Amino acid sequence: MPRIIDLSHTITVDLVTYPGLPAPTITPFLSREDSPARYAPGTQFTMDIITMIGNTGTYLDSPFHCFAGGIDLAGLDLDSLVGLRAEVVHLPNASARGVPASAFRGRDLAGSAVLLHTGWDRHFGTPRYGDDAPYLTQEGAQFLVDAGVSLVGIDSLNVDDKDSSGERPVHALLLGAGIHIVEHLTNLGQLPARGARFTAVAPKIADFGTFPVRAFAELDQPR
């Protein structure tokens, strides 16, 4: 059996994933205490309602996120999300915030999930997470588009520079080329530079662009 590495953050009711976005709320629709009255004595269920923005926890961006005519979550091809060959770029000691194209040279990237390990996930859930976060440069994004990658993931706040003038060139380049984005990954330091398989699947929701995923990697190593 392959070894499974969980790459997702846990969603909780008090979690602020991105500065300025709301935290999720969870409210009961049917409690365990009330369920016997609707079913039978000794029969208990809990049915809860979660209200959250799609950009919560570790989430996937589909082209619909940026483009009105882009593919939504329901239209994504599972072949582009499941068991992708992972190319992990380890950058925890990088001196610059922006990841340049040079970080990807000399790699076989076509069809792969390129995962950027910056180490910034150590700040997740704290105010520090939103300040001076690492990101992918526009030059780097164009290199990945030209290389024909299938997906780009990062363990940081955003693939774009949040502190820029408000433009999102990396989102536009990647999603415009049909390359999925997964942000707020974690535990990428446990993966080798190559040899893992990456999966991140969101629910099949029409007319919706982003949603949390349970992202994970598979390694051909004993558990």
C-alpha atoms as a PDB file:
ATOM      1  CA  MET A   1       0.000   0.000   0.000  1.00  0.00           C
ATOM      2  CA  PRO A   2       1.285   3.507  -0.797  1.00  0.00           C
ATOM      3  CA  ARG A   3       2.043   5.989   1.938  1.00  0.00           C
ATOM      4  CA  ILE A   4      -0.516   8.827   2.041  1.00  0.00           C
ATOM      5  CA  ILE A   5       0.499  12.375   3.014  1.00  0.00           C
ATOM      6  CA  ASP A   6      -2.341  14.748   3.916  1.00  0.00           C
ATOM      7  CA  LEU A   7      -1.696  18.163   2.341  1.00  0.00           C
ATOM      8  CA  SER A   8      -4.843  19.964   3.544  1.00  0.00           C
ATOM      9  CA  HIS A   9      -5.526  22.299   6.450  1.00  0.00           C
ATOM     10  CA  THR A  10      -8.412  21.519   8.815  1.00  0.00           C
ATOM     11  CA  ILE A  11     -11.498  23.739   8.432  1.00  0.00           C
ATOM     12  CA  THR A  12     -12.901  25.011  11.728  1.00  0.00           C
ATOM     13  CA  VAL A  13     -15.638  27.496  12.610  1.00  0.00           C
ATOM     14  CA  ASP A  14     -13.115  30.174  13.607  1.00  0.00           C
ATOM     15  CA  LEU A  15     -10.771  29.774  10.633  1.00  0.00           C
ATOM     16  CA  VAL A  16      -9.871  32.913   8.681  1.00  0.00           C
ATOM     17  CA  THR A  17      -8.058  31.582   5.627  1.00  0.00           C
ATOM     18  CA  TYR A  18      -7.465  34.859   3.817  1.00  0.00           C
ATOM     19  CA  PRO A  19      -7.449  38.336   5.391  1.00  0.00           C
ATOM     20  CA  GLY A  20     -10.816  40.031   4.912  1.00  0.00           C
ATOM     21  CA  LEU A  21     -12.736  36.860   4.068  1.00  0.00           C
ATOM     22  CA  PRO A  22     -15.290  35.411   6.504  1.00  0.00           C
ATOM     23  CA  ALA A  23     -14.758  32.378   8.690  1.00  0.00           C
ATOM     24  CA  PRO A  24     -17.109  29.410   8.276  1.00  0.00           C
ATOM     25  CA  THR A  25     -20.176  28.951  10.467  1.00  0.00           C
ATOM     26  CA  ILE A  26     -21.688  25.578  11.347  1.00  0.00           C
ATOM     27  CA  THR A  27     -25.251  25.346  12.640  1.00  0.00           C
ATOM     28  CA  PRO A  28     -27.410  22.286  13.358  1.00  0.00           C
ATOM     29  CA  PHE A  29     -30.288  21.339  11.082  1.00  0.00           C
ATOM     30  CA  LEU A  30     -31.065  18.208  13.084  1.00  0.00           C
ATOM     31  CA  SER A  31     -29.333  17.507  16.387  1.00  0.00           C
ATOM     32  CA  ARG A  32     -28.641  14.111  17.929  1.00  0.00           C
ATOM     33  CA  GLU A  33     -30.936  15.056  20.794  1.00  0.00           C
ATOM     34  CA  ASP A  34     -33.870  15.876  18.490  1.00  0.00           C
ATOM     35  CA  SER A  35     -33.438  13.062  15.978  1.00  0.00           C
ATOM     36  CA  PRO A  36     -35.169  10.250  17.972  1.00  0.00           C
ATOM     37  CA  ALA A  37     -38.435  12.189  17.799  1.00  0.00           C
ATOM     38  CA  ARG A  38     -38.259  12.130  13.988  1.00  0.00           C
ATOM     39  CA  TYR A  39     -36.999   8.564  13.580  1.00  0.00           C
ATOM     40  CA  ALA A  40     -37.187   6.068  16.445  1.00  0.00           C
ATOM     41  CA  PRO A  41     -36.005   5.770  20.039  1.00  0.00           C
ATOM     42  CA  GLY A  42     -32.301   5.118  20.118  1.00  0.00           C
ATOM     43  CA  THR A  43     -31.804   6.328  16.535  1.00  0.00           C
ATOM     44  CA  GLN A  44     -29.612   9.419  16.368  1.00  0.00           C
ATOM     45  CA  PHE A  45     -28.250  11.572  13.573  1.00  0.00           C
ATOM     46  CA  THR A  46     -26.596  14.920  13.271  1.00  0.00           C
ATOM     47  CA  MET A  47     -27.243  16.993  10.146  1.00  0.00           C
ATOM     48  CA  ASP A  48     -25.470  20.318  10.056  1.00  0.00           C
ATOM     49  CA  ILE A  49     -25.389  23.345   7.793  1.00  0.00           C
ATOM     50  CA  ILE A  50     -22.035  24.891   6.949  1.00  0.00           C
ATOM     51  CA  THR A  51     -21.861  28.382   5.492  1.00  0.00           C
ATOM     52  CA  MET A  52     -18.521  29.372   4.049  1.00  0.00           C
ATOM     53  CA  ILE A  53     -16.902  31.159   1.192  1.00  0.00           C
ATOM     54  CA  GLY A  54     -15.391  28.858  -1.433  1.00  0.00           C
ATOM     55  CA  ASN A  55     -11.941  30.235  -0.592  1.00  0.00           C
ATOM     56  CA  THR A  56     -11.711  28.411   2.732  1.00  0.00           C
ATOM     57  CA  GLY A  57      -8.914  26.173   3.948  1.00  0.00           C
ATOM     58  CA  THR A  58      -7.009  24.373   1.206  1.00  0.00           C
ATOM     59  CA  TYR A  59      -8.992  25.057  -1.963  1.00  0.00           C
ATOM     60  CA  LEU A  60      -9.008  24.632  -5.717  1.00  0.00           C
ATOM     61  CA  ASP A  61      -9.427  27.427  -8.266  1.00  0.00           C
ATOM     62  CA  SER A  62     -11.106  26.453 -11.532  1.00  0.00           C
ATOM     63  CA  PRO A  63     -11.057  28.687 -14.651  1.00  0.00           C
ATOM     64  CA  PHE A  64     -14.582  29.904 -13.764  1.00  0.00           C
ATOM     65  CA  HIS A  65     -13.017  31.667 -10.780  1.00  0.00           C
ATOM     66  CA  CYS A  66     -11.511  34.304 -13.099  1.00  0.00           C
ATOM     67  CA  PHE A  67     -13.385  33.885 -16.379  1.00  0.00           C
ATOM     68  CA  ALA A  68     -17.159  33.992 -16.872  1.00  0.00           C
ATOM     69  CA  GLY A  69     -16.920  31.492 -19.714  1.00  0.00           C
ATOM     70  CA  GLY A  70     -14.374  29.297 -17.984  1.00  0.00           C
ATOM     71  CA  ILE A  71     -14.894  25.718 -16.835  1.00  0.00           C
ATOM     72  CA  ASP A  72     -16.607  25.536 -13.463  1.00  0.00           C
ATOM     73  CA  LEU A  73     -16.098  22.950 -10.723  1.00  0.00           C
ATOM     74  CA  ALA A  74     -18.696  20.648 -12.256  1.00  0.00           C
ATOM     75  CA  GLY A  75     -16.899  20.667 -15.590  1.00  0.00           C
ATOM     76  CA  LEU A  76     -13.432  19.739 -14.384  1.00  0.00           C
ATOM     77  CA  ASP A  77     -11.943  16.560 -15.803  1.00  0.00           C
ATOM     78  CA  LEU A  78     -11.011  14.160 -13.010  1.00  0.00           C
ATOM     79  CA  ASP A  79      -7.999  13.055 -15.031  1.00  0.00           C
ATOM     80  CA  SER A  80      -6.567  16.528 -14.426  1.00  0.00           C
ATOM     81  CA  LEU A  81      -6.999  16.289 -10.647  1.00  0.00           C
ATOM     82  CA  VAL A  82      -6.318  12.688  -9.599  1.00  0.00           C
ATOM     83  CA  GLY A  83      -2.989  10.890  -9.359  1.00  0.00           C
ATOM     84  CA  LEU A  84      -0.945  13.607 -11.053  1.00  0.00           C
ATOM     85  CA  ARG A  85       2.797  13.196 -11.163  1.00  0.00           C
ATOM     86  CA  ALA A  86       4.075  15.683  -8.589  1.00  0.00           C
ATOM     87  CA  GLU A  87       7.075  17.928  -9.178  1.00  0.00           C
ATOM     88  CA  VAL A  88       7.799  19.463  -5.782  1.00  0.00           C
ATOM     89  CA  VAL A  89       9.945  22.594  -5.762  1.00  0.00           C
ATOM     90  CA  HIS A  90      11.451  23.049  -2.290  1.00  0.00           C
ATOM     91  CA  LEU A  91      12.044  26.739  -1.560  1.00  0.00           C
ATOM     92  CA  PRO A  92      11.803  27.201   2.240  1.00  0.00           C
ATOM     93  CA  ASN A  93      15.043  29.188   2.408  1.00  0.00           C
ATOM     94  CA  ALA A  94      14.501  31.388  -0.655  1.00  0.00           C
ATOM     95  CA  SER A  95      15.775  34.925  -0.181  1.00  0.00           C
ATOM     96  CA  ALA A  96      13.095  36.482  -2.413  1.00  0.00           C
ATOM     97  CA  ARG A  97       9.320  36.266  -2.000  1.00  0.00           C
ATOM     98  CA  GLY A  98       8.634  35.766  -5.700  1.00  0.00           C
ATOM     99  CA  VAL A  99       9.347  32.325  -7.178  1.00  0.00           C
ATOM    100  CA  PRO A 100      11.112  32.883 -10.545  1.00  0.00           C
ATOM    101  CA  ALA A 101      11.131  30.792 -13.713  1.00  0.00           C
ATOM    102  CA  SER A 102      14.659  29.643 -12.905  1.00  0.00           C
ATOM    103  CA  ALA A 103      13.262  27.497 -10.079  1.00  0.00           C
ATOM    104  CA  PHE A 104      11.699  25.179 -12.669  1.00  0.00           C
ATOM    105  CA  ARG A 105      14.476  24.758 -15.202  1.00  0.00           C
ATOM    106  CA  GLY A 106      15.805  21.272 -15.853  1.00  0.00           C
ATOM    107  CA  ARG A 107      12.594  19.515 -14.822  1.00  0.00           C
ATOM    108  CA  ASP A 108      10.182  17.332 -16.783  1.00  0.00           C
ATOM    109  CA  LEU A 109       7.022  19.351 -16.089  1.00  0.00           C
ATOM    110  CA  ALA A 110       4.561  18.473 -18.857  1.00  0.00           C
ATOM    111  CA  GLY A 111       1.307  17.128 -17.403  1.00  0.00           C
ATOM    112  CA  SER A 112       2.538  17.369 -13.825  1.00  0.00           C
ATOM    113  CA  ALA A 113       1.294  19.024 -10.654  1.00  0.00           C
ATOM    114  CA  VAL A 114       3.940  21.588  -9.739  1.00  0.00           C
ATOM    115  CA  LEU A 115       3.862  22.092  -5.968  1.00  0.00           C
ATOM    116  CA  LEU A 116       5.693  25.067  -4.462  1.00  0.00           C
ATOM    117  CA  HIS A 117       7.028  24.315  -1.001  1.00  0.00           C
ATOM    118  CA  THR A 118       7.824  27.688   0.582  1.00  0.00           C
ATOM    119  CA  GLY A 119       7.320  26.689   4.225  1.00  0.00           C
ATOM    120  CA  TRP A 120       4.844  29.540   4.711  1.00  0.00           C
ATOM    121  CA  ASP A 121       2.185  27.101   5.919  1.00  0.00           C
ATOM    122  CA  ARG A 122       3.830  27.330   9.341  1.00  0.00           C
ATOM    123  CA  HIS A 123       2.035  30.679   9.746  1.00  0.00           C
ATOM    124  CA  PHE A 124      -1.403  29.432   8.648  1.00  0.00           C
ATOM    125  CA  GLY A 125      -4.196  30.628  10.924  1.00  0.00           C
ATOM    126  CA  THR A 126      -2.124  33.513  12.339  1.00  0.00           C
ATOM    127  CA  PRO A 127      -1.960  37.205  11.333  1.00  0.00           C
ATOM    128  CA  ARG A 128       1.595  36.624  10.072  1.00  0.00           C
ATOM    129  CA  TYR A 129       0.255  34.397   7.295  1.00  0.00           C
ATOM    130  CA  GLY A 130      -1.096  37.410   5.413  1.00  0.00           C
ATOM    131  CA  ASP A 131       2.064  39.514   5.537  1.00  0.00           C
ATOM    132  CA  ASP A 132       4.881  39.280   2.956  1.00  0.00           C
ATOM    133  CA  ALA A 133       3.754  35.852   1.786  1.00  0.00           C
ATOM    134  CA  PRO A 134       5.704  34.046  -0.971  1.00  0.00           C
ATOM    135  CA  TYR A 135       4.115  33.878  -4.429  1.00  0.00           C
ATOM    136  CA  LEU A 136       4.742  32.792  -8.008  1.00  0.00           C
ATOM    137  CA  THR A 137       6.076  35.476 -10.338  1.00  0.00           C
ATOM    138  CA  GLN A 138       4.413  36.236 -13.656  1.00  0.00           C
ATOM    139  CA  GLU A 139       7.585  35.068 -15.391  1.00  0.00           C
ATOM    140  CA  GLY A 140       7.422  31.799 -13.470  1.00  0.00           C
ATOM    141  CA  ALA A 141       3.759  31.324 -14.328  1.00  0.00           C
ATOM    142  CA  GLN A 142       4.440  31.836 -18.037  1.00  0.00           C
ATOM    143  CA  PHE A 143       7.232  29.263 -17.870  1.00  0.00           C
ATOM    144  CA  LEU A 144       4.797  26.725 -16.376  1.00  0.00           C
ATOM    145  CA  VAL A 145       2.163  27.500 -19.002  1.00  0.00           C
ATOM    146  CA  ASP A 146       4.713  26.990 -21.770  1.00  0.00           C
ATOM    147  CA  ALA A 147       5.845  23.741 -20.116  1.00  0.00           C
ATOM    148  CA  GLY A 148       2.288  22.355 -20.235  1.00  0.00           C
ATOM    149  CA  VAL A 149       1.739  21.625 -16.540  1.00  0.00           C
ATOM    150  CA  SER A 150      -1.682  20.442 -15.351  1.00  0.00           C
ATOM    151  CA  LEU A 151      -1.860  22.065 -11.924  1.00  0.00           C
ATOM    152  CA  VAL A 152       0.054  24.484  -9.711  1.00  0.00           C
ATOM    153  CA  GLY A 153      -0.127  24.348  -5.925  1.00  0.00           C
ATOM    154  CA  ILE A 154       1.437  26.478  -3.209  1.00  0.00           C
ATOM    155  CA  ASP A 155       1.615  26.318   0.591  1.00  0.00           C
ATOM    156  CA  SER A 156       1.220  30.082   0.848  1.00  0.00           C
ATOM    157  CA  LEU A 157      -1.517  32.731   0.875  1.00  0.00           C
ATOM    158  CA  ASN A 158      -1.798  33.201  -2.877  1.00  0.00           C
ATOM    159  CA  VAL A 159      -0.042  32.263  -6.116  1.00  0.00           C
ATOM    160  CA  ASP A 160      -0.157  35.984  -6.912  1.00  0.00           C
ATOM    161  CA  ASP A 161       1.443  38.798  -4.918  1.00  0.00           C
ATOM    162  CA  LYS A 162      -1.314  39.944  -2.550  1.00  0.00           C
ATOM    163  CA  ASP A 163       0.566  43.176  -1.915  1.00  0.00           C
ATOM    164  CA  SER A 164       0.581  44.252  -5.587  1.00  0.00           C
ATOM    165  CA  SER A 165      -1.726  46.868  -7.103  1.00  0.00           C
ATOM    166  CA  GLY A 166      -4.633  44.417  -7.181  1.00  0.00           C
ATOM    167  CA  GLU A 167      -3.828  42.706 -10.463  1.00  0.00           C
ATOM    168  CA  ARG A 168      -3.706  38.915 -10.530  1.00  0.00           C
ATOM    169  CA  PRO A 169      -1.535  38.052 -13.561  1.00  0.00           C
ATOM    170  CA  VAL A 170      -0.613  34.555 -12.349  1.00  0.00           C
ATOM    171  CA  HIS A 171      -4.249  33.556 -11.875  1.00  0.00           C
ATOM    172  CA  ALA A 172      -5.057  34.923 -15.326  1.00  0.00           C
ATOM    173  CA  LEU A 173      -2.177  33.088 -17.001  1.00  0.00           C
ATOM    174  CA  LEU A 174      -2.693  29.719 -15.320  1.00  0.00           C
ATOM    175  CA  LEU A 175      -6.484  29.559 -15.315  1.00  0.00           C
ATOM    176  CA  GLY A 176      -6.611  31.033 -18.816  1.00  0.00           C
ATOM    177  CA  ALA A 177      -4.507  28.074 -19.958  1.00  0.00           C
ATOM    178  CA  GLY A 178      -6.767  25.604 -18.141  1.00  0.00           C
ATOM    179  CA  ILE A 179      -4.202  24.978 -15.400  1.00  0.00           C
ATOM    180  CA  HIS A 180      -5.838  24.446 -12.000  1.00  0.00           C
ATOM    181  CA  ILE A 181      -4.575  26.213  -8.886  1.00  0.00           C
ATOM    182  CA  VAL A 182      -4.528  24.842  -5.338  1.00  0.00           C
ATOM    183  CA  GLU A 183      -3.651  27.349  -2.613  1.00  0.00           C
ATOM    184  CA  HIS A 184      -2.960  26.972   1.135  1.00  0.00           C
ATOM    185  CA  LEU A 185      -1.392  23.529   0.944  1.00  0.00           C
ATOM    186  CA  THR A 186       0.558  22.149   3.894  1.00  0.00           C
ATOM    187  CA  ASN A 187       3.088  19.402   4.682  1.00  0.00           C
ATOM    188  CA  LEU A 188       4.858  19.751   1.316  1.00  0.00           C
ATOM    189  CA  GLY A 189       8.148  19.387   3.153  1.00  0.00           C
ATOM    190  CA  GLN A 190       7.321  15.699   3.617  1.00  0.00           C
ATOM    191  CA  LEU A 191       7.374  15.080  -0.142  1.00  0.00           C
ATOM    192  CA  PRO A 192      10.381  14.274  -2.325  1.00  0.00           C
ATOM    193  CA  ALA A 193      11.219  16.494  -5.269  1.00  0.00           C
ATOM    194  CA  ARG A 194       9.712  13.849  -7.542  1.00  0.00           C
ATOM    195  CA  GLY A 195       8.119  10.442  -7.243  1.00  0.00           C
ATOM    196  CA  ALA A 196       4.836  11.339  -5.516  1.00  0.00           C
ATOM    197  CA  ARG A 197       1.339  11.438  -7.025  1.00  0.00           C
ATOM    198  CA  PHE A 198      -0.957  14.367  -6.180  1.00  0.00           C
ATOM    199  CA  THR A 199      -4.747  14.451  -5.877  1.00  0.00           C
ATOM    200  CA  ALA A 200      -7.090  17.355  -5.080  1.00  0.00           C
ATOM    201  CA  VAL A 201     -10.787  17.040  -5.947  1.00  0.00           C
ATOM    202  CA  ALA A 202     -13.587  19.476  -5.149  1.00  0.00           C
ATOM    203  CA  PRO A 203     -17.353  18.737  -5.169  1.00  0.00           C
ATOM    204  CA  LYS A 204     -19.107  18.796  -8.536  1.00  0.00           C
ATOM    205  CA  ILE A 205     -20.814  22.219  -8.259  1.00  0.00           C
ATOM    206  CA  ALA A 206     -22.174  24.057 -11.295  1.00  0.00           C
ATOM    207  CA  ASP A 207     -21.529  27.791 -11.756  1.00  0.00           C
ATOM    208  CA  PHE A 208     -18.974  27.842  -8.941  1.00  0.00           C
ATOM    209  CA  GLY A 209     -15.284  28.576  -9.229  1.00  0.00           C
ATOM    210  CA  THR A 210     -13.509  27.691  -5.979  1.00  0.00           C
ATOM    211  CA  PHE A 211     -14.043  25.162  -3.198  1.00  0.00           C
ATOM    212  CA  PRO A 212     -12.089  23.362  -0.457  1.00  0.00           C
ATOM    213  CA  VAL A 213     -10.390  20.088  -1.359  1.00  0.00           C
ATOM    214  CA  ARG A 214      -8.873  17.202   0.564  1.00  0.00           C
ATOM    215  CA  ALA A 215      -5.501  17.322  -1.108  1.00  0.00           C
ATOM    216  CA  PHE A 216      -3.076  14.451  -0.604  1.00  0.00           C
ATOM    217  CA  ALA A 217       0.012  12.808  -2.046  1.00  0.00           C
ATOM    218  CA  GLU A 218       0.738   9.126  -2.548  1.00  0.00           C
ATOM    219  CA  LEU A 219       4.233   7.763  -2.171  1.00  0.00           C
ATOM    220  CA  ASP A 220       5.326   4.283  -3.199  1.00  0.00           C
ATOM    221  CA  GLN A 221       6.744   3.648   0.242  1.00  0.00           C
ATOM    222  CA  PRO A 222       5.516   1.350   3.013  1.00  0.00           C
ATOM    223  CA  ARG A 223       3.352   2.953   5.645  1.00  0.00           C
END
